[in-house]
Amino acid sequence: TRPGWILTRGAGRDKRCLALAGKGTPPGTSGTQINVDEALLRTTFNHH
């Protein structure tokens, strides 16, 4: 196993899930709203 997290809120026009994935400790508590700023975005698999 490896620690990681997924942030999602909705779907795109094509009905596919929009999500950000990252490794390590999640940036917030599960089930709560997490504001994604540029610094957090740069840590994601998506950015990479």
ModelCIF file with pLDDT and N, C-alpha, C, O atoms, coordinates in Angstrom:
data_MODEL
#
_entry.id   MODEL 
#
_entity.id                         1 
_entity.type                       polymer 
_entity.pdbx_number_of_molecules   1 
#
_entity_poly.entity_id                      1 
_entity_poly.type                           'polypeptide(L)' 
_entity_poly.nstd_linkage                   no 
_entity_poly.nstd_monomer                   no 
_entity_poly.pdbx_seq_one_letter_code       TRPGWILTRGAGRDKRCLALAGKGTPPGTSGTQINVDEALLRTTFNHH 
_entity_poly.pdbx_seq_one_letter_code_can   TRPGWILTRGAGRDKRCLALAGKGTPPGTSGTQINVDEALLRTTFNHH 
_entity_poly.pdbx_strand_id                 A 
#
loop_
_entity_poly_seq.entity_id 
_entity_poly_seq.num 
_entity_poly_seq.mon_id 
_entity_poly_seq.hetero 
1 1  THR n 
1 2  ARG n 
1 3  PRO n 
1 4  GLY n 
1 5  TRP n 
1 6  ILE n 
1 7  LEU n 
1 8  THR n 
1 9  ARG n 
1 10 GLY n 
1 11 ALA n 
1 12 GLY n 
1 13 ARG n 
1 14 ASP n 
1 15 LYS n 
1 16 ARG n 
1 17 CYS n 
1 18 LEU n 
1 19 ALA n 
1 20 LEU n 
1 21 ALA n 
1 22 GLY n 
1 23 LYS n 
1 24 GLY n 
1 25 THR n 
1 26 PRO n 
1 27 PRO n 
1 28 GLY n 
1 29 THR n 
1 30 SER n 
1 31 GLY n 
1 32 THR n 
1 33 GLN n 
1 34 ILE n 
1 35 ASN n 
1 36 VAL n 
1 37 ASP n 
1 38 GLU n 
1 39 ALA n 
1 40 LEU n 
1 41 LEU n 
1 42 ARG n 
1 43 THR n 
1 44 THR n 
1 45 PHE n 
1 46 ASN n 
1 47 HIS n 
1 48 HIS n 
#
_struct_asym.id          A 
_struct_asym.entity_id   1 
#
loop_
_ma_qa_metric.id 
_ma_qa_metric.mode 
_ma_qa_metric.name 
_ma_qa_metric.software_group_id 
_ma_qa_metric.type 
1 global pLDDT . pLDDT 
2 local  pLDDT . pLDDT 
#
_ma_qa_metric_global.metric_id      1 
_ma_qa_metric_global.metric_value   92.90 
_ma_qa_metric_global.model_id       1 
_ma_qa_metric_global.ordinal_id     1 
#
loop_
_ma_qa_metric_local.label_asym_id 
_ma_qa_metric_local.label_comp_id 
_ma_qa_metric_local.label_seq_id 
_ma_qa_metric_local.metric_id 
_ma_qa_metric_local.metric_value 
_ma_qa_metric_local.model_id 
_ma_qa_metric_local.ordinal_id 
A THR 1  2 84.00 1 1  
A ARG 2  2 85.00 1 2  
A PRO 3  2 91.00 1 3  
A GLY 4  2 94.00 1 4  
A TRP 5  2 96.00 1 5  
A ILE 6  2 96.00 1 6  
A LEU 7  2 96.00 1 7  
A THR 8  2 93.00 1 8  
A ARG 9  2 87.00 1 9  
A GLY 10 2 86.00 1 10 
A ALA 11 2 88.00 1 11 
A GLY 12 2 86.00 1 12 
A ARG 13 2 88.00 1 13 
A ASP 14 2 88.00 1 14 
A LYS 15 2 90.00 1 15 
A ARG 16 2 88.00 1 16 
A CYS 17 2 88.00 1 17 
A LEU 18 2 89.00 1 18 
A ALA 19 2 94.00 1 19 
A LEU 20 2 95.00 1 20 
A ALA 21 2 96.00 1 21 
A GLY 22 2 96.00 1 22 
A LYS 23 2 94.00 1 23 
A GLY 24 2 94.00 1 24 
A THR 25 2 94.00 1 25 
A PRO 26 2 95.00 1 26 
A PRO 27 2 95.00 1 27 
A GLY 28 2 94.00 1 28 
A THR 29 2 94.00 1 29 
A SER 30 2 93.00 1 30 
A GLY 31 2 91.00 1 31 
A THR 32 2 94.00 1 32 
A GLN 33 2 93.00 1 33 
A ILE 34 2 95.00 1 34 
A ASN 35 2 94.00 1 35 
A VAL 36 2 95.00 1 36 
A ASP 37 2 96.00 1 37 
A GLU 38 2 96.00 1 38 
A ALA 39 2 97.00 1 39 
A LEU 40 2 97.00 1 40 
A LEU 41 2 96.00 1 41 
A ARG 42 2 96.00 1 42 
A THR 43 2 96.00 1 43 
A THR 44 2 96.00 1 44 
A PHE 45 2 95.00 1 45 
A ASN 46 2 95.00 1 46 
A HIS 47 2 95.00 1 47 
A HIS 48 2 95.00 1 48 
#
loop_
_atom_site.group_PDB 
_atom_site.id 
_atom_site.type_symbol 
_atom_site.label_atom_id 
_atom_site.label_alt_id 
_atom_site.label_comp_id 
_atom_site.label_asym_id 
_atom_site.label_entity_id 
_atom_site.label_seq_id 
_atom_site.pdbx_PDB_ins_code 
_atom_site.Cartn_x 
_atom_site.Cartn_y 
_atom_site.Cartn_z 
_atom_site.occupancy 
_atom_site.B_iso_or_equiv 
_atom_site.pdbx_formal_charge 
_atom_site.auth_seq_id 
_atom_site.auth_comp_id 
_atom_site.auth_asym_id 
_atom_site.auth_atom_id 
_atom_site.pdbx_PDB_model_num 
ATOM 1   N N  . THR A 1 1  ? 0.838   -1.204 0.000   1.00 84.00 ? 1  THR A N  1 
ATOM 2   C CA . THR A 1 1  ? 0.000   0.000  0.000   1.00 84.00 ? 1  THR A CA 1 
ATOM 3   C C  . THR A 1 1  ? 0.871   1.252  0.000   1.00 84.00 ? 1  THR A C  1 
ATOM 4   O O  . THR A 1 1  ? 2.042   1.211  0.378   1.00 84.00 ? 1  THR A O  1 
ATOM 5   N N  . ARG A 1 2  ? 0.280   2.358  -0.429  1.00 85.00 ? 2  ARG A N  1 
ATOM 6   C CA . ARG A 1 2  ? 0.901   3.684  -0.371  1.00 85.00 ? 2  ARG A CA 1 
ATOM 7   C C  . ARG A 1 2  ? -0.179  4.669  0.052   1.00 85.00 ? 2  ARG A C  1 
ATOM 8   O O  . ARG A 1 2  ? -1.312  4.577  -0.421  1.00 85.00 ? 2  ARG A O  1 
ATOM 9   N N  . PRO A 1 3  ? 0.147   5.609  0.931   1.00 91.00 ? 3  PRO A N  1 
ATOM 10  C CA . PRO A 1 3  ? -0.863  6.592  1.333   1.00 91.00 ? 3  PRO A CA 1 
ATOM 11  C C  . PRO A 1 3  ? -1.164  7.553  0.183   1.00 91.00 ? 3  PRO A C  1 
ATOM 12  O O  . PRO A 1 3  ? -0.264  7.946  -0.561  1.00 91.00 ? 3  PRO A O  1 
ATOM 13  N N  . GLY A 1 4  ? -2.422  7.920  0.047   1.00 94.00 ? 4  GLY A N  1 
ATOM 14  C CA . GLY A 1 4  ? -2.818  8.841  -1.003  1.00 94.00 ? 4  GLY A CA 1 
ATOM 15  C C  . GLY A 1 4  ? -4.222  9.345  -0.780  1.00 94.00 ? 4  GLY A C  1 
ATOM 16  O O  . GLY A 1 4  ? -4.901  8.941  0.163   1.00 94.00 ? 4  GLY A O  1 
ATOM 17  N N  . TRP A 1 5  ? -4.658  10.244 -1.667  1.00 96.00 ? 5  TRP A N  1 
ATOM 18  C CA . TRP A 1 5  ? -5.983  10.848 -1.519  1.00 96.00 ? 5  TRP A CA 1 
ATOM 19  C C  . TRP A 1 5  ? -6.549  11.257 -2.871  1.00 96.00 ? 5  TRP A C  1 
ATOM 20  O O  . TRP A 1 5  ? -5.826  11.409 -3.855  1.00 96.00 ? 5  TRP A O  1 
ATOM 21  N N  . ILE A 1 6  ? -7.867  11.430 -2.884  1.00 96.00 ? 6  ILE A N  1 
ATOM 22  C CA . ILE A 1 6  ? -8.588  11.893 -4.074  1.00 96.00 ? 6  ILE A CA 1 
ATOM 23  C C  . ILE A 1 6  ? -9.564  12.976 -3.628  1.00 96.00 ? 6  ILE A C  1 
ATOM 24  O O  . ILE A 1 6  ? -10.313 12.798 -2.667  1.00 96.00 ? 6  ILE A O  1 
ATOM 25  N N  . LEU A 1 7  ? -9.544  14.101 -4.342  1.00 96.00 ? 7  LEU A N  1 
ATOM 26  C CA . LEU A 1 7  ? -10.527 15.168 -4.101  1.00 96.00 ? 7  LEU A CA 1 
ATOM 27  C C  . LEU A 1 7  ? -11.455 15.214 -5.299  1.00 96.00 ? 7  LEU A C  1 
ATOM 28  O O  . LEU A 1 7  ? -11.000 15.270 -6.442  1.00 96.00 ? 7  LEU A O  1 
ATOM 29  N N  . THR A 1 8  ? -12.742 15.191 -5.045  1.00 93.00 ? 8  THR A N  1 
ATOM 30  C CA . THR A 1 8  ? -13.714 15.286 -6.136  1.00 93.00 ? 8  THR A CA 1 
ATOM 31  C C  . THR A 1 8  ? -14.949 16.016 -5.651  1.00 93.00 ? 8  THR A C  1 
ATOM 32  O O  . THR A 1 8  ? -15.253 16.040 -4.458  1.00 93.00 ? 8  THR A O  1 
ATOM 33  N N  . ARG A 1 9  ? -15.654 16.609 -6.599  1.00 87.00 ? 9  ARG A N  1 
ATOM 34  C CA . ARG A 1 9  ? -16.873 17.330 -6.242  1.00 87.00 ? 9  ARG A CA 1 
ATOM 35  C C  . ARG A 1 9  ? -17.975 17.135 -7.260  1.00 87.00 ? 9  ARG A C  1 
ATOM 36  O O  . ARG A 1 9  ? -19.151 17.207 -6.906  1.00 87.00 ? 9  ARG A O  1 
ATOM 37  N N  . GLY A 1 10 ? -17.636 16.894 -8.501  1.00 86.00 ? 10 GLY A N  1 
ATOM 38  C CA . GLY A 1 10 ? -18.680 16.817 -9.505  1.00 86.00 ? 10 GLY A CA 1 
ATOM 39  C C  . GLY A 1 10 ? -18.215 16.114 -10.758 1.00 86.00 ? 10 GLY A C  1 
ATOM 40  O O  . GLY A 1 10 ? -17.221 15.387 -10.756 1.00 86.00 ? 10 GLY A O  1 
ATOM 41  N N  . ALA A 1 11 ? -18.956 16.344 -11.832 1.00 88.00 ? 11 ALA A N  1 
ATOM 42  C CA . ALA A 1 11 ? -18.665 15.709 -13.106 1.00 88.00 ? 11 ALA A CA 1 
ATOM 43  C C  . ALA A 1 11 ? -18.597 16.766 -14.201 1.00 88.00 ? 11 ALA A C  1 
ATOM 44  O O  . ALA A 1 11 ? -19.183 17.842 -14.083 1.00 88.00 ? 11 ALA A O  1 
ATOM 45  N N  . GLY A 1 12 ? -17.880 16.444 -15.258 1.00 86.00 ? 12 GLY A N  1 
ATOM 46  C CA . GLY A 1 12 ? -17.769 17.341 -16.402 1.00 86.00 ? 12 GLY A CA 1 
ATOM 47  C C  . GLY A 1 12 ? -18.960 17.198 -17.334 1.00 86.00 ? 12 GLY A C  1 
ATOM 48  O O  . GLY A 1 12 ? -19.897 16.450 -17.055 1.00 86.00 ? 12 GLY A O  1 
ATOM 49  N N  . ARG A 1 13 ? -18.912 17.927 -18.446 1.00 88.00 ? 13 ARG A N  1 
ATOM 50  C CA . ARG A 1 13 ? -19.999 17.866 -19.430 1.00 88.00 ? 13 ARG A CA 1 
ATOM 51  C C  . ARG A 1 13 ? -20.232 16.460 -19.945 1.00 88.00 ? 13 ARG A C  1 
ATOM 52  O O  . ARG A 1 13 ? -21.354 16.090 -20.291 1.00 88.00 ? 13 ARG A O  1 
ATOM 53  N N  . ASP A 1 14 ? -19.153 15.674 -19.993 1.00 88.00 ? 14 ASP A N  1 
ATOM 54  C CA . ASP A 1 14 ? -19.267 14.306 -20.502 1.00 88.00 ? 14 ASP A CA 1 
ATOM 55  C C  . ASP A 1 14 ? -19.650 13.312 -19.405 1.00 88.00 ? 14 ASP A C  1 
ATOM 56  O O  . ASP A 1 14 ? -19.638 12.103 -19.635 1.00 88.00 ? 14 ASP A O  1 
ATOM 57  N N  . LYS A 1 15 ? -19.985 13.808 -18.233 1.00 90.00 ? 15 LYS A N  1 
ATOM 58  C CA . LYS A 1 15 ? -20.445 13.012 -17.084 1.00 90.00 ? 15 LYS A CA 1 
ATOM 59  C C  . LYS A 1 15 ? -19.338 12.219 -16.412 1.00 90.00 ? 15 LYS A C  1 
ATOM 60  O O  . LYS A 1 15 ? -19.615 11.344 -15.592 1.00 90.00 ? 15 LYS A O  1 
ATOM 61  N N  . ARG A 1 16 ? -18.059 12.518 -16.756 1.00 88.00 ? 16 ARG A N  1 
ATOM 62  C CA . ARG A 1 16 ? -16.955 11.846 -16.084 1.00 88.00 ? 16 ARG A CA 1 
ATOM 63  C C  . ARG A 1 16 ? -16.590 12.621 -14.817 1.00 88.00 ? 16 ARG A C  1 
ATOM 64  O O  . ARG A 1 16 ? -16.688 13.847 -14.773 1.00 88.00 ? 16 ARG A O  1 
ATOM 65  N N  . CYS A 1 17 ? -16.178 11.898 -13.812 1.00 88.00 ? 17 CYS A N  1 
ATOM 66  C CA . CYS A 1 17 ? -15.796 12.481 -12.533 1.00 88.00 ? 17 CYS A CA 1 
ATOM 67  C C  . CYS A 1 17 ? -14.610 13.438 -12.707 1.00 88.00 ? 17 CYS A C  1 
ATOM 68  O O  . CYS A 1 17 ? -13.641 13.115 -13.395 1.00 88.00 ? 17 CYS A O  1 
ATOM 69  N N  . LEU A 1 18 ? -14.694 14.597 -12.088 1.00 89.00 ? 18 LEU A N  1 
ATOM 70  C CA . LEU A 1 18 ? -13.574 15.533 -12.048 1.00 89.00 ? 18 LEU A CA 1 
ATOM 71  C C  . LEU A 1 18 ? -12.893 15.343 -10.700 1.00 89.00 ? 18 LEU A C  1 
ATOM 72  O O  . LEU A 1 18 ? -13.533 15.494 -9.659  1.00 89.00 ? 18 LEU A O  1 
ATOM 73  N N  . ALA A 1 19 ? -11.614 15.016 -10.702 1.00 94.00 ? 19 ALA A N  1 
ATOM 74  C CA . ALA A 1 19 ? -10.932 14.721 -9.453  1.00 94.00 ? 19 ALA A CA 1 
ATOM 75  C C  . ALA A 1 19 ? -9.461  15.104 -9.517  1.00 94.00 ? 19 ALA A C  1 
ATOM 76  O O  . ALA A 1 19 ? -8.866  15.193 -10.591 1.00 94.00 ? 19 ALA A O  1 
ATOM 77  N N  . LEU A 1 20 ? -8.897  15.327 -8.349  1.00 95.00 ? 20 LEU A N  1 
ATOM 78  C CA . LEU A 1 20 ? -7.467  15.529 -8.184  1.00 95.00 ? 20 LEU A CA 1 
ATOM 79  C C  . LEU A 1 20 ? -6.955  14.392 -7.313  1.00 95.00 ? 20 LEU A C  1 
ATOM 80  O O  . LEU A 1 20 ? -7.615  14.004 -6.349  1.00 95.00 ? 20 LEU A O  1 
ATOM 81  N N  . ALA A 1 21 ? -5.781  13.854 -7.644  1.00 96.00 ? 21 ALA A N  1 
ATOM 82  C CA . ALA A 1 21 ? -5.196  12.762 -6.868  1.00 96.00 ? 21 ALA A CA 1 
ATOM 83  C C  . ALA A 1 21 ? -3.835  13.184 -6.348  1.00 96.00 ? 21 ALA A C  1 
ATOM 84  O O  . ALA A 1 21 ? -3.077  13.870 -7.032  1.00 96.00 ? 21 ALA A O  1 
ATOM 85  N N  . GLY A 1 22 ? -3.540  12.768 -5.138  1.00 96.00 ? 22 GLY A N  1 
ATOM 86  C CA . GLY A 1 22 ? -2.256  13.104 -4.543  1.00 96.00 ? 22 GLY A CA 1 
ATOM 87  C C  . GLY A 1 22 ? -1.722  11.970 -3.699  1.00 96.00 ? 22 GLY A C  1 
ATOM 88  O O  . GLY A 1 22 ? -2.446  11.033 -3.365  1.00 96.00 ? 22 GLY A O  1 
ATOM 89  N N  . LYS A 1 23 ? -0.439  12.062 -3.355  1.00 94.00 ? 23 LYS A N  1 
ATOM 90  C CA . LYS A 1 23 ? 0.173   11.043 -2.503  1.00 94.00 ? 23 LYS A CA 1 
ATOM 91  C C  . LYS A 1 23 ? 0.402   11.613 -1.109  1.00 94.00 ? 23 LYS A C  1 
ATOM 92  O O  . LYS A 1 23 ? 0.463   12.827 -0.915  1.00 94.00 ? 23 LYS A O  1 
ATOM 93  N N  . GLY A 1 24 ? 0.526   10.718 -0.160  1.00 94.00 ? 24 GLY A N  1 
ATOM 94  C CA . GLY A 1 24 ? 0.796   11.142 1.211   1.00 94.00 ? 24 GLY A CA 1 
ATOM 95  C C  . GLY A 1 24 ? -0.467  11.437 1.992   1.00 94.00 ? 24 GLY A C  1 
ATOM 96  O O  . GLY A 1 24 ? -1.541  10.912 1.697   1.00 94.00 ? 24 GLY A O  1 
ATOM 97  N N  . THR A 1 25 ? -0.315  12.286 2.992   1.00 94.00 ? 25 THR A N  1 
ATOM 98  C CA . THR A 1 25 ? -1.413  12.645 3.883   1.00 94.00 ? 25 THR A CA 1 
ATOM 99  C C  . THR A 1 25 ? -2.409  13.553 3.171   1.00 94.00 ? 25 THR A C  1 
ATOM 100 O O  . THR A 1 25 ? -2.002  14.507 2.506   1.00 94.00 ? 25 THR A O  1 
ATOM 101 N N  . PRO A 1 26 ? -3.706  13.277 3.296   1.00 95.00 ? 26 PRO A N  1 
ATOM 102 C CA . PRO A 1 26 ? -4.710  14.137 2.657   1.00 95.00 ? 26 PRO A CA 1 
ATOM 103 C C  . PRO A 1 26 ? -4.609  15.581 3.155   1.00 95.00 ? 26 PRO A C  1 
ATOM 104 O O  . PRO A 1 26 ? -4.206  15.815 4.295   1.00 95.00 ? 26 PRO A O  1 
ATOM 105 N N  . PRO A 1 27 ? -4.969  16.546 2.312   1.00 95.00 ? 27 PRO A N  1 
ATOM 106 C CA . PRO A 1 27 ? -4.875  17.954 2.698   1.00 95.00 ? 27 PRO A CA 1 
ATOM 107 C C  . PRO A 1 27 ? -6.001  18.418 3.610   1.00 95.00 ? 27 PRO A C  1 
ATOM 108 O O  . PRO A 1 27 ? -6.043  19.592 3.977   1.00 95.00 ? 27 PRO A O  1 
ATOM 109 N N  . GLY A 1 28 ? -6.904  17.538 3.982   1.00 94.00 ? 28 GLY A N  1 
ATOM 110 C CA . GLY A 1 28 ? -8.012  17.905 4.859   1.00 94.00 ? 28 GLY A CA 1 
ATOM 111 C C  . GLY A 1 28 ? -8.766  16.672 5.309   1.00 94.00 ? 28 GLY A C  1 
ATOM 112 O O  . GLY A 1 28 ? -8.395  15.548 4.970   1.00 94.00 ? 28 GLY A O  1 
ATOM 113 N N  . THR A 1 29 ? -9.819  16.884 6.067   1.00 94.00 ? 29 THR A N  1 
ATOM 114 C CA . THR A 1 29 ? -10.633 15.800 6.599   1.00 94.00 ? 29 THR A CA 1 
ATOM 115 C C  . THR A 1 29 ? -11.626 15.302 5.563   1.00 94.00 ? 29 THR A C  1 
ATOM 116 O O  . THR A 1 29 ? -12.253 16.098 4.864   1.00 94.00 ? 29 THR A O  1 
ATOM 117 N N  . SER A 1 30 ? -11.769 14.000 5.463   1.00 93.00 ? 30 SER A N  1 
ATOM 118 C CA . SER A 1 30 ? -12.718 13.401 4.523   1.00 93.00 ? 30 SER A CA 1 
ATOM 119 C C  . SER A 1 30 ? -14.125 13.930 4.751   1.00 93.00 ? 30 SER A C  1 
ATOM 120 O O  . SER A 1 30 ? -14.585 14.026 5.889   1.00 93.00 ? 30 SER A O  1 
ATOM 121 N N  . GLY A 1 31 ? -14.803 14.271 3.665   1.00 91.00 ? 31 GLY A N  1 
ATOM 122 C CA . GLY A 1 31 ? -16.176 14.738 3.752   1.00 91.00 ? 31 GLY A CA 1 
ATOM 123 C C  . GLY A 1 31 ? -16.325 16.236 3.946   1.00 91.00 ? 31 GLY A C  1 
ATOM 124 O O  . GLY A 1 31 ? -17.446 16.743 3.991   1.00 91.00 ? 31 GLY A O  1 
ATOM 125 N N  . THR A 1 32 ? -15.215 16.955 4.060   1.00 94.00 ? 32 THR A N  1 
ATOM 126 C CA . THR A 1 32 ? -15.291 18.396 4.235   1.00 94.00 ? 32 THR A CA 1 
ATOM 127 C C  . THR A 1 32 ? -14.867 19.105 2.957   1.00 94.00 ? 32 THR A C  1 
ATOM 128 O O  . THR A 1 32 ? -14.209 18.513 2.101   1.00 94.00 ? 32 THR A O  1 
ATOM 129 N N  . GLN A 1 33 ? -15.241 20.367 2.830   1.00 93.00 ? 33 GLN A N  1 
ATOM 130 C CA . GLN A 1 33 ? -14.830 21.153 1.666   1.00 93.00 ? 33 GLN A CA 1 
ATOM 131 C C  . GLN A 1 33 ? -13.373 21.551 1.834   1.00 93.00 ? 33 GLN A C  1 
ATOM 132 O O  . GLN A 1 33 ? -12.974 22.049 2.887   1.00 93.00 ? 33 GLN A O  1 
ATOM 133 N N  . ILE A 1 34 ? -12.583 21.329 0.796   1.00 95.00 ? 34 ILE A N  1 
ATOM 134 C CA . ILE A 1 34 ? -11.159 21.672 0.798   1.00 95.00 ? 34 ILE A CA 1 
ATOM 135 C C  . ILE A 1 34 ? -10.920 22.636 -0.349  1.00 95.00 ? 34 ILE A C  1 
ATOM 136 O O  . ILE A 1 34 ? -11.184 22.308 -1.506  1.00 95.00 ? 34 ILE A O  1 
ATOM 137 N N  . ASN A 1 35 ? -10.428 23.807 -0.038  1.00 94.00 ? 35 ASN A N  1 
ATOM 138 C CA . ASN A 1 35 ? -10.119 24.791 -1.068  1.00 94.00 ? 35 ASN A CA 1 
ATOM 139 C C  . ASN A 1 35 ? -8.784  24.446 -1.705  1.00 94.00 ? 35 ASN A C  1 
ATOM 140 O O  . ASN A 1 35 ? -7.781  24.290 -1.008  1.00 94.00 ? 35 ASN A O  1 
ATOM 141 N N  . VAL A 1 36 ? -8.768  24.326 -3.016  1.00 95.00 ? 36 VAL A N  1 
ATOM 142 C CA . VAL A 1 36 ? -7.549  23.978 -3.739  1.00 95.00 ? 36 VAL A CA 1 
ATOM 143 C C  . VAL A 1 36 ? -6.912  25.256 -4.273  1.00 95.00 ? 36 VAL A C  1 
ATOM 144 O O  . VAL A 1 36 ? -7.458  25.919 -5.156  1.00 95.00 ? 36 VAL A O  1 
ATOM 145 N N  . ASP A 1 37 ? -5.752  25.587 -3.723  1.00 96.00 ? 37 ASP A N  1 
ATOM 146 C CA . ASP A 1 37 ? -5.020  26.739 -4.220  1.00 96.00 ? 37 ASP A CA 1 
ATOM 147 C C  . ASP A 1 37 ? -3.888  26.244 -5.130  1.00 96.00 ? 37 ASP A C  1 
ATOM 148 O O  . ASP A 1 37 ? -3.716  25.040 -5.321  1.00 96.00 ? 37 ASP A O  1 
ATOM 149 N N  . GLU A 1 38 ? -3.133  27.171 -5.676  1.00 96.00 ? 38 GLU A N  1 
ATOM 150 C CA . GLU A 1 38 ? -2.075  26.797 -6.616  1.00 96.00 ? 38 GLU A CA 1 
ATOM 151 C C  . GLU A 1 38 ? -1.037  25.894 -5.960  1.00 96.00 ? 38 GLU A C  1 
ATOM 152 O O  . GLU A 1 38 ? -0.555  24.951 -6.587  1.00 96.00 ? 38 GLU A O  1 
ATOM 153 N N  . ALA A 1 39 ? -0.691  26.169 -4.711  1.00 97.00 ? 39 ALA A N  1 
ATOM 154 C CA . ALA A 1 39 ? 0.313   25.353 -4.014  1.00 97.00 ? 39 ALA A CA 1 
ATOM 155 C C  . ALA A 1 39 ? -0.149  23.904 -3.887  1.00 97.00 ? 39 ALA A C  1 
ATOM 156 O O  . ALA A 1 39 ? 0.635   22.986 -4.127  1.00 97.00 ? 39 ALA A O  1 
ATOM 157 N N  . LEU A 1 40 ? -1.412  23.686 -3.512  1.00 97.00 ? 40 LEU A N  1 
ATOM 158 C CA . LEU A 1 40 ? -1.939  22.321 -3.400  1.00 97.00 ? 40 LEU A CA 1 
ATOM 159 C C  . LEU A 1 40 ? -2.028  21.672 -4.776  1.00 97.00 ? 40 LEU A C  1 
ATOM 160 O O  . LEU A 1 40 ? -1.661  20.509 -4.942  1.00 97.00 ? 40 LEU A O  1 
ATOM 161 N N  . LEU A 1 41 ? -2.514  22.421 -5.763  1.00 96.00 ? 41 LEU A N  1 
ATOM 162 C CA . LEU A 1 41 ? -2.634  21.881 -7.112  1.00 96.00 ? 41 LEU A CA 1 
ATOM 163 C C  . LEU A 1 41 ? -1.291  21.371 -7.629  1.00 96.00 ? 41 LEU A C  1 
ATOM 164 O O  . LEU A 1 41 ? -1.235  20.336 -8.294  1.00 96.00 ? 41 LEU A O  1 
ATOM 165 N N  . ARG A 1 42 ? -0.219  22.084 -7.332  1.00 96.00 ? 42 ARG A N  1 
ATOM 166 C CA . ARG A 1 42 ? 1.113   21.688 -7.804  1.00 96.00 ? 42 ARG A CA 1 
ATOM 167 C C  . ARG A 1 42 ? 1.618   20.394 -7.172  1.00 96.00 ? 42 ARG A C  1 
ATOM 168 O O  . ARG A 1 42 ? 2.585   19.811 -7.665  1.00 96.00 ? 42 ARG A O  1 
ATOM 169 N N  . THR A 1 43 ? 0.988   19.932 -6.096  1.00 96.00 ? 43 THR A N  1 
ATOM 170 C CA . THR A 1 43 ? 1.399   18.675 -5.457  1.00 96.00 ? 43 THR A CA 1 
ATOM 171 C C  . THR A 1 43 ? 0.669   17.467 -6.023  1.00 96.00 ? 43 THR A C  1 
ATOM 172 O O  . THR A 1 43 ? 0.977   16.335 -5.652  1.00 96.00 ? 43 THR A O  1 
ATOM 173 N N  . THR A 1 44 ? -0.292  17.686 -6.914  1.00 96.00 ? 44 THR A N  1 
ATOM 174 C CA . THR A 1 44 ? -1.140  16.586 -7.378  1.00 96.00 ? 44 THR A CA 1 
ATOM 175 C C  . THR A 1 44 ? -0.536  15.808 -8.540  1.00 96.00 ? 44 THR A C  1 
ATOM 176 O O  . THR A 1 44 ? 0.311   16.301 -9.286  1.00 96.00 ? 44 THR A O  1 
ATOM 177 N N  . PHE A 1 45 ? -1.005  14.580 -8.658  1.00 95.00 ? 45 PHE A N  1 
ATOM 178 C CA . PHE A 1 45 ? -0.661  13.735 -9.799  1.00 95.00 ? 45 PHE A CA 1 
ATOM 179 C C  . PHE A 1 45 ? -1.115  14.410 -11.085 1.00 95.00 ? 45 PHE A C  1 
ATOM 180 O O  . PHE A 1 45 ? -0.425  14.347 -12.103 1.00 95.00 ? 45 PHE A O  1 
ATOM 181 N N  . ASN A 1 46 ? -2.276  15.056 -11.039 1.00 95.00 ? 46 ASN A N  1 
ATOM 182 C CA . ASN A 1 46 ? -2.822  15.744 -12.206 1.00 95.00 ? 46 ASN A CA 1 
ATOM 183 C C  . ASN A 1 46 ? -1.827  16.769 -12.742 1.00 95.00 ? 46 ASN A C  1 
ATOM 184 O O  . ASN A 1 46 ? -1.567  16.813 -13.945 1.00 95.00 ? 46 ASN A O  1 
ATOM 185 N N  . HIS A 1 47 ? -1.274  17.588 -11.859 1.00 95.00 ? 47 HIS A N  1 
ATOM 186 C CA . HIS A 1 47 ? -0.303  18.604 -12.265 1.00 95.00 ? 47 HIS A CA 1 
ATOM 187 C C  . HIS A 1 47 ? 0.932   17.943 -12.868 1.00 95.00 ? 47 HIS A C  1 
ATOM 188 O O  . HIS A 1 47 ? 1.456   18.402 -13.883 1.00 95.00 ? 47 HIS A O  1 
ATOM 189 N N  . HIS A 1 48 ? 1.389   16.873 -12.244 1.00 95.00 ? 48 HIS A N  1 
ATOM 190 C CA . HIS A 1 48 ? 2.588   16.183 -12.719 1.00 95.00 ? 48 HIS A CA 1 
ATOM 191 C C  . HIS A 1 48 ? 2.402   15.662 -14.153 1.00 95.00 ? 48 HIS A C  1 
ATOM 192 O O  . HIS A 1 48 ? 3.315   15.055 -14.713 1.00 95.00 ? 48 HIS A O  1 
#
